[in-house]
Amino acid sequence: METQRRYPKAFSFEFFPPKTSEGAAKLLTVSKQLSALEPCFFSVTFGAGGSTRERTLTTVRDIQQHTQVDVAPHLSCIGSTRENILDILNTYREQGVRHLVALRGDMPSGMVEAGEFQYAHELVSFIREKTGDHFFIEIAAYPEFHPQASSAEADLEHFCNKVKAGADAALTQYFYNADAYFKFVDDCESAGLDLPIVPGIMPITNHKQLARFSDACGAEIPRWIRRRLEDYGDDSQSIQAFGTEVVTQLCERLLAGGAPGLHFYSMNRREPSMAIWDALGLAHDKAGRNT
């Protein structure tokens, strides 16, 4: 963890593009409220094969106009062409975006061909080729391994390729086992990598929803947490109280161990992330790294 201790702490929040005008208005309120914490950035997700492209663009624009927080759009390349990706990059440059989260993404339903990009490192290389150092590029990391990885060794190799292609920092998939993160960082250091690897944090508010997300992305929910959540049944208040306690303890251990910040998967809500933030006693004037 020695590499991570040298980086300033960066705190950030992830949003997804709302499907309705009501959802957009709610997200704008949430982003304004969370901006008071002075996070390093907000990220905005991008659907499979660019399925939310216009909504992502609109969400980024709205947050830019109503907060002073840096906005980092996700850009996934699976199912896309170089022309399409270049068009998006040019649009973001025109909007004043300087920060991206570059991902392979999931294959859209019904699509057979991956498109002109098969791996995220190809996307990172393409961004660097076409835009130089204009963008600060975040990439994904998987402490518990990508669900499609053939082995732990292959997964680390893919991560190394993304870093060597020109990535500046990494955000991890969420997890509830701090040891998985610490081991992943140790493996990265052994491979000669040195970049901020920020843990992704998923608040626990709904057992069924969390189980569905975790089964899809390969994030493990420890058995003792699953059993506790099952015992609470539909008692949402107890689930949220337990979730805040468990995730706060996870964050405390990560930060004490040298993690260079936290990236909250907000699910477009303020309260769950704020409950953890307040429980951690984080100042409301946290400064993030310069991007």
Protein backbone atom coordinates (compact mmCIF):
# COMPACT_ATOMS: atom_id res chain seq x y z
CA MET A 1 0.00 0.00 0.00
CA GLU A 2 3.03 2.30 -0.03
CA THR A 3 2.17 3.75 -3.44
CA GLN A 4 -1.35 4.63 -2.32
CA ARG A 5 -0.28 6.46 0.82
CA ARG A 6 1.56 9.05 -1.27
CA TYR A 7 -1.57 10.26 -3.06
CA PRO A 8 -3.90 12.94 -1.66
CA LYS A 9 -7.30 11.65 -0.62
CA ALA A 10 -9.90 11.96 -3.41
CA PHE A 11 -13.60 11.54 -2.65
CA SER A 12 -16.18 11.22 -5.42
CA PHE A 13 -19.75 10.15 -6.18
CA GLU A 14 -21.24 8.22 -9.09
CA PHE A 15 -24.62 8.93 -10.72
CA PHE A 16 -26.58 7.27 -13.53
CA PRO A 17 -28.56 9.17 -16.21
CA PRO A 18 -32.22 9.47 -15.11
CA LYS A 19 -34.91 8.19 -17.46
CA THR A 20 -37.53 10.84 -16.61
CA SER A 21 -37.71 14.60 -16.13
CA GLU A 22 -38.68 13.99 -12.50
CA GLY A 23 -35.61 11.84 -12.00
CA ALA A 24 -33.43 14.48 -13.64
CA ALA A 25 -34.78 17.18 -11.32
CA LYS A 26 -34.18 14.94 -8.29
CA LEU A 27 -30.62 14.17 -9.39
CA LEU A 28 -29.88 17.85 -9.88
CA THR A 29 -30.97 18.48 -6.29
CA VAL A 30 -28.85 15.57 -5.04
CA SER A 31 -25.78 16.77 -6.98
CA LYS A 32 -26.16 20.27 -5.53
CA GLN A 33 -26.40 18.85 -2.00
CA LEU A 34 -23.37 16.58 -2.44
CA SER A 35 -21.38 19.38 -4.05
CA ALA A 36 -21.32 21.07 -0.62
CA LEU A 37 -18.85 18.32 0.40
CA GLU A 38 -16.46 19.57 -2.31
CA PRO A 39 -15.80 16.14 -3.83
CA CYS A 40 -13.01 15.64 -6.31
CA PHE A 41 -15.56 14.81 -9.02
CA PHE A 42 -18.93 13.32 -9.93
CA SER A 43 -19.00 10.47 -12.45
CA VAL A 44 -21.94 9.69 -14.76
CA THR A 45 -22.48 6.22 -16.18
CA PHE A 46 -22.86 5.28 -19.85
CA GLY A 47 -25.16 2.45 -20.97
CA ALA A 48 -24.10 -0.69 -22.81
CA GLY A 49 -23.18 0.08 -26.39
CA GLY A 50 -23.80 3.77 -25.73
CA SER A 51 -27.49 3.14 -25.04
CA THR A 52 -27.69 6.12 -22.68
CA ARG A 53 -25.39 8.37 -24.71
CA GLU A 54 -27.73 11.35 -25.03
CA ARG A 55 -28.95 11.08 -21.46
CA THR A 56 -25.35 10.86 -20.24
CA LEU A 57 -24.45 13.99 -22.22
CA THR A 58 -27.48 15.84 -20.87
CA THR A 59 -26.79 14.76 -17.28
CA VAL A 60 -23.16 15.88 -17.53
CA ARG A 61 -24.21 19.23 -18.96
CA ASP A 62 -26.83 19.82 -16.27
CA ILE A 63 -24.44 19.04 -13.41
CA GLN A 64 -21.76 21.26 -14.96
CA GLN A 65 -24.22 24.16 -15.16
CA HIS A 66 -25.49 23.88 -11.59
CA THR A 67 -22.42 22.86 -9.56
CA GLN A 68 -18.74 23.73 -9.46
CA VAL A 69 -17.73 20.05 -9.29
CA ASP A 70 -15.68 18.38 -12.02
CA VAL A 71 -17.81 15.87 -13.96
CA ALA A 72 -16.31 12.66 -15.34
CA PRO A 73 -18.53 10.88 -17.90
CA HIS A 74 -18.15 7.14 -18.29
CA LEU A 75 -17.27 6.08 -21.81
CA SER A 76 -17.65 2.40 -22.70
CA CYS A 77 -16.37 1.14 -26.02
CA ILE A 78 -17.99 -2.26 -26.53
CA GLY A 79 -20.30 -2.19 -29.53
CA SER A 80 -18.89 1.16 -30.69
CA THR A 81 -16.85 2.35 -33.65
CA ARG A 82 -13.80 4.60 -33.61
CA GLU A 83 -15.79 7.26 -35.42
CA ASN A 84 -18.54 7.11 -32.82
CA ILE A 85 -16.09 7.32 -29.89
CA LEU A 86 -14.21 10.21 -31.51
CA ASP A 87 -17.48 12.08 -31.97
CA ILE A 88 -18.25 11.67 -28.27
CA LEU A 89 -14.74 12.77 -27.29
CA ASN A 90 -15.06 15.90 -29.42
CA THR A 91 -18.44 16.67 -27.85
CA TYR A 92 -17.00 16.39 -24.36
CA ARG A 93 -14.06 18.61 -25.27
CA GLU A 94 -16.50 21.23 -26.52
CA GLN A 95 -18.38 20.98 -23.21
CA GLY A 96 -15.19 21.61 -21.26
CA VAL A 97 -14.97 18.07 -19.88
CA ARG A 98 -11.41 17.16 -18.82
CA HIS A 99 -12.04 13.91 -16.96
CA LEU A 100 -13.26 10.51 -18.24
CA VAL A 101 -13.91 7.02 -16.90
CA ALA A 102 -12.85 4.70 -19.73
CA LEU A 103 -14.45 1.25 -19.71
CA ARG A 104 -14.93 -1.77 -21.93
CA GLY A 105 -18.57 -2.04 -20.90
CA ASP A 106 -21.04 -4.89 -21.24
CA MET A 107 -22.21 -6.35 -24.52
CA PRO A 108 -25.68 -4.95 -25.31
CA SER A 109 -28.50 -7.50 -25.35
CA GLY A 110 -28.82 -9.15 -28.75
CA MET A 111 -25.45 -7.90 -30.02
CA VAL A 112 -23.08 -10.55 -31.35
CA GLU A 113 -20.05 -8.52 -32.49
CA ALA A 114 -18.03 -6.50 -29.97
CA GLY A 115 -17.42 -3.66 -32.44
CA GLU A 116 -14.08 -2.04 -33.26
CA PHE A 117 -12.88 -2.18 -29.64
CA GLN A 118 -12.60 -5.42 -27.71
CA TYR A 119 -10.75 -4.28 -24.62
CA ALA A 120 -10.63 -1.17 -22.45
CA HIS A 121 -6.89 -0.68 -23.03
CA GLU A 122 -7.68 -0.16 -26.71
CA LEU A 123 -10.08 2.61 -25.75
CA VAL A 124 -7.52 4.25 -23.46
CA SER A 125 -4.91 4.12 -26.24
CA PHE A 126 -7.39 5.61 -28.71
CA ILE A 127 -8.24 8.48 -26.36
CA ARG A 128 -4.56 9.26 -25.89
CA GLU A 129 -3.94 9.02 -29.65
CA LYS A 130 -6.74 11.42 -30.52
CA THR A 131 -6.70 13.84 -27.59
CA GLY A 132 -3.24 13.64 -26.06
CA ASP A 133 -3.24 14.67 -22.40
CA HIS A 134 -6.50 16.62 -22.59
CA PHE A 135 -8.38 14.07 -20.46
CA PHE A 136 -7.56 12.70 -17.02
CA ILE A 137 -8.48 9.04 -17.52
CA GLU A 138 -9.89 6.77 -14.83
CA ILE A 139 -10.14 3.03 -15.44
CA ALA A 140 -11.93 0.18 -13.66
CA ALA A 141 -10.26 -2.21 -11.23
CA TYR A 142 -11.64 -5.46 -9.82
CA PRO A 143 -10.20 -6.48 -6.43
CA GLU A 144 -12.34 -9.63 -6.51
CA PHE A 145 -11.59 -10.15 -10.22
CA HIS A 146 -13.69 -9.37 -13.25
CA PRO A 147 -16.49 -11.96 -13.59
CA GLN A 148 -15.31 -12.79 -17.13
CA ALA A 149 -11.61 -13.09 -16.25
CA SER A 150 -10.12 -16.50 -17.00
CA SER A 151 -7.78 -16.25 -13.99
CA ALA A 152 -6.48 -13.81 -11.39
CA GLU A 153 -3.24 -13.55 -13.38
CA ALA A 154 -5.09 -12.70 -16.60
CA ASP A 155 -7.21 -10.11 -14.79
CA LEU A 156 -4.11 -8.35 -13.45
CA GLU A 157 -2.57 -8.43 -16.91
CA HIS A 158 -5.62 -6.69 -18.38
CA PHE A 159 -5.36 -4.03 -15.68
CA CYS A 160 -1.65 -3.54 -16.39
CA ASN A 161 -2.42 -3.08 -20.09
CA LYS A 162 -4.90 -0.30 -19.30
CA VAL A 163 -2.39 1.48 -17.10
CA LYS A 164 0.37 1.20 -19.71
CA ALA A 165 -2.02 2.52 -22.37
CA GLY A 166 -2.18 5.82 -20.51
CA ALA A 167 -4.58 5.66 -17.55
CA ASP A 168 -4.09 8.17 -14.73
CA ALA A 169 -6.10 6.54 -11.92
CA ALA A 170 -8.46 3.67 -11.17
CA LEU A 171 -11.82 3.20 -9.47
CA THR A 172 -12.64 -0.24 -8.16
CA GLN A 173 -15.80 -2.29 -8.36
CA TYR A 174 -17.46 -2.23 -4.96
CA PHE A 175 -16.56 -4.92 -2.43
CA TYR A 176 -17.08 -5.67 1.25
CA ASN A 177 -13.79 -7.46 1.92
CA ALA A 178 -10.98 -4.98 2.57
CA ASP A 179 -8.35 -7.72 2.29
CA ALA A 180 -9.28 -8.24 -1.37
CA TYR A 181 -8.48 -4.56 -2.06
CA PHE A 182 -5.21 -4.59 -0.11
CA LYS A 183 -4.05 -7.76 -1.89
CA PHE A 184 -4.98 -6.31 -5.29
CA VAL A 185 -2.95 -3.16 -4.61
CA ASP A 186 0.00 -5.26 -3.39
CA ASP A 187 -0.15 -7.26 -6.63
CA CYS A 188 -0.21 -4.04 -8.66
CA GLU A 189 2.83 -2.73 -6.80
CA SER A 190 4.64 -6.01 -7.41
CA ALA A 191 3.89 -5.54 -11.11
CA GLY A 192 5.50 -2.09 -11.02
CA LEU A 193 2.29 -0.07 -11.22
CA ASP A 194 1.97 3.23 -9.40
CA LEU A 195 -1.32 5.12 -9.75
CA PRO A 196 -4.19 5.97 -7.38
CA ILE A 197 -6.54 3.01 -6.96
CA VAL A 198 -9.64 4.33 -5.21
CA PRO A 199 -12.06 1.85 -3.59
CA GLY A 200 -15.63 1.84 -4.86
CA ILE A 201 -18.15 1.99 -2.02
CA MET A 202 -21.72 0.70 -2.33
CA PRO A 203 -24.05 1.71 0.54
CA ILE A 204 -26.37 -1.08 1.71
CA THR A 205 -30.02 -0.03 1.66
CA ASN A 206 -31.93 -2.88 -0.02
CA HIS A 207 -31.05 -6.56 0.29
CA LYS A 208 -32.69 -7.83 -2.91
CA GLN A 209 -31.31 -5.00 -5.03
CA LEU A 210 -27.80 -5.47 -3.64
CA ALA A 211 -27.93 -9.23 -4.24
CA ARG A 212 -29.04 -8.65 -7.85
CA PHE A 213 -26.29 -6.11 -8.52
CA SER A 214 -23.66 -8.31 -6.89
CA ASP A 215 -24.63 -11.44 -8.80
CA ALA A 216 -24.38 -9.47 -12.05
CA CYS A 217 -20.99 -7.84 -11.43
CA GLY A 218 -19.27 -10.56 -9.43
CA ALA A 219 -18.97 -8.60 -6.18
CA GLU A 220 -19.09 -10.94 -3.20
CA ILE A 221 -21.43 -10.26 -0.30
CA PRO A 222 -19.88 -12.03 2.70
CA ARG A 223 -22.11 -14.76 4.11
CA TRP A 224 -22.45 -13.08 7.50
CA ILE A 225 -23.73 -9.91 5.85
CA ARG A 226 -26.18 -11.83 3.65
CA ARG A 227 -27.57 -13.71 6.67
CA ARG A 228 -28.03 -10.52 8.67
CA LEU A 229 -29.83 -8.86 5.77
CA GLU A 230 -32.05 -11.92 5.33
CA ASP A 231 -32.94 -11.80 9.02
CA TYR A 232 -34.09 -8.18 8.73
CA GLY A 233 -36.57 -9.13 6.00
CA ASP A 234 -38.50 -6.02 4.93
CA ASP A 235 -37.35 -3.91 7.88
CA SER A 236 -35.74 -1.19 5.75
CA GLN A 237 -34.81 0.96 8.73
CA SER A 238 -32.80 -1.86 10.33
CA ILE A 239 -31.19 -2.74 6.99
CA GLN A 240 -30.05 0.84 6.46
CA ALA A 241 -28.73 1.18 10.02
CA PHE A 242 -26.84 -2.11 9.71
CA GLY A 243 -25.59 -1.17 6.24
CA THR A 244 -24.29 2.19 7.41
CA GLU A 245 -22.43 0.54 10.29
CA VAL A 246 -20.88 -2.20 8.15
CA VAL A 247 -19.83 0.04 5.26
CA THR A 248 -18.50 2.73 7.61
CA GLN A 249 -16.27 0.15 9.29
CA LEU A 250 -15.08 -0.99 5.86
CA CYS A 251 -14.24 2.59 4.86
CA GLU A 252 -12.43 3.22 8.14
CA ARG A 253 -10.22 0.21 7.54
CA LEU A 254 -9.55 1.18 3.93
CA LEU A 255 -8.58 4.76 4.77
CA ALA A 256 -6.46 3.68 7.73
CA GLY A 257 -4.72 1.17 5.46
CA GLY A 258 -3.73 3.87 2.98
CA ALA A 259 -6.54 3.96 0.40
CA PRO A 260 -6.33 7.26 -1.54
CA GLY A 261 -9.99 8.18 -1.09
CA LEU A 262 -13.43 6.68 -1.64
CA HIS A 263 -15.76 6.56 -4.66
CA PHE A 264 -19.41 6.28 -3.59
CA TYR A 265 -21.95 4.51 -5.80
CA SER A 266 -24.74 6.88 -4.82
CA MET A 267 -27.59 5.33 -6.85
CA ASN A 268 -28.69 8.96 -7.37
CA ARG A 269 -29.49 9.32 -3.68
CA ARG A 270 -27.97 11.63 -1.10
CA GLU A 271 -28.83 10.03 2.24
CA PRO A 272 -27.05 6.62 2.11
CA SER A 273 -23.67 8.07 1.13
CA MET A 274 -24.07 11.03 3.47
CA ALA A 275 -24.81 8.70 6.40
CA ILE A 276 -21.47 6.96 5.82
CA TRP A 277 -19.67 10.27 5.21
CA ASP A 278 -20.93 11.69 8.50
CA ALA A 279 -20.23 8.48 10.39
CA LEU A 280 -16.64 8.65 9.14
CA GLY A 281 -16.40 12.20 10.44
CA LEU A 282 -15.10 13.47 7.11
CA ALA A 283 -14.78 17.24 6.89
CA HIS A 284 -17.14 18.99 4.51
CA ASP A 285 -14.23 20.77 2.85
CA LYS A 286 -12.27 17.76 1.65
CA ALA A 287 -9.89 18.61 -1.18
CA GLY A 288 -9.43 16.06 -3.93
CA ARG A 289 -6.42 15.48 -6.13
CA ASN A 290 -5.75 17.85 -8.98
CA THR A 291 -6.90 16.47 -12.32
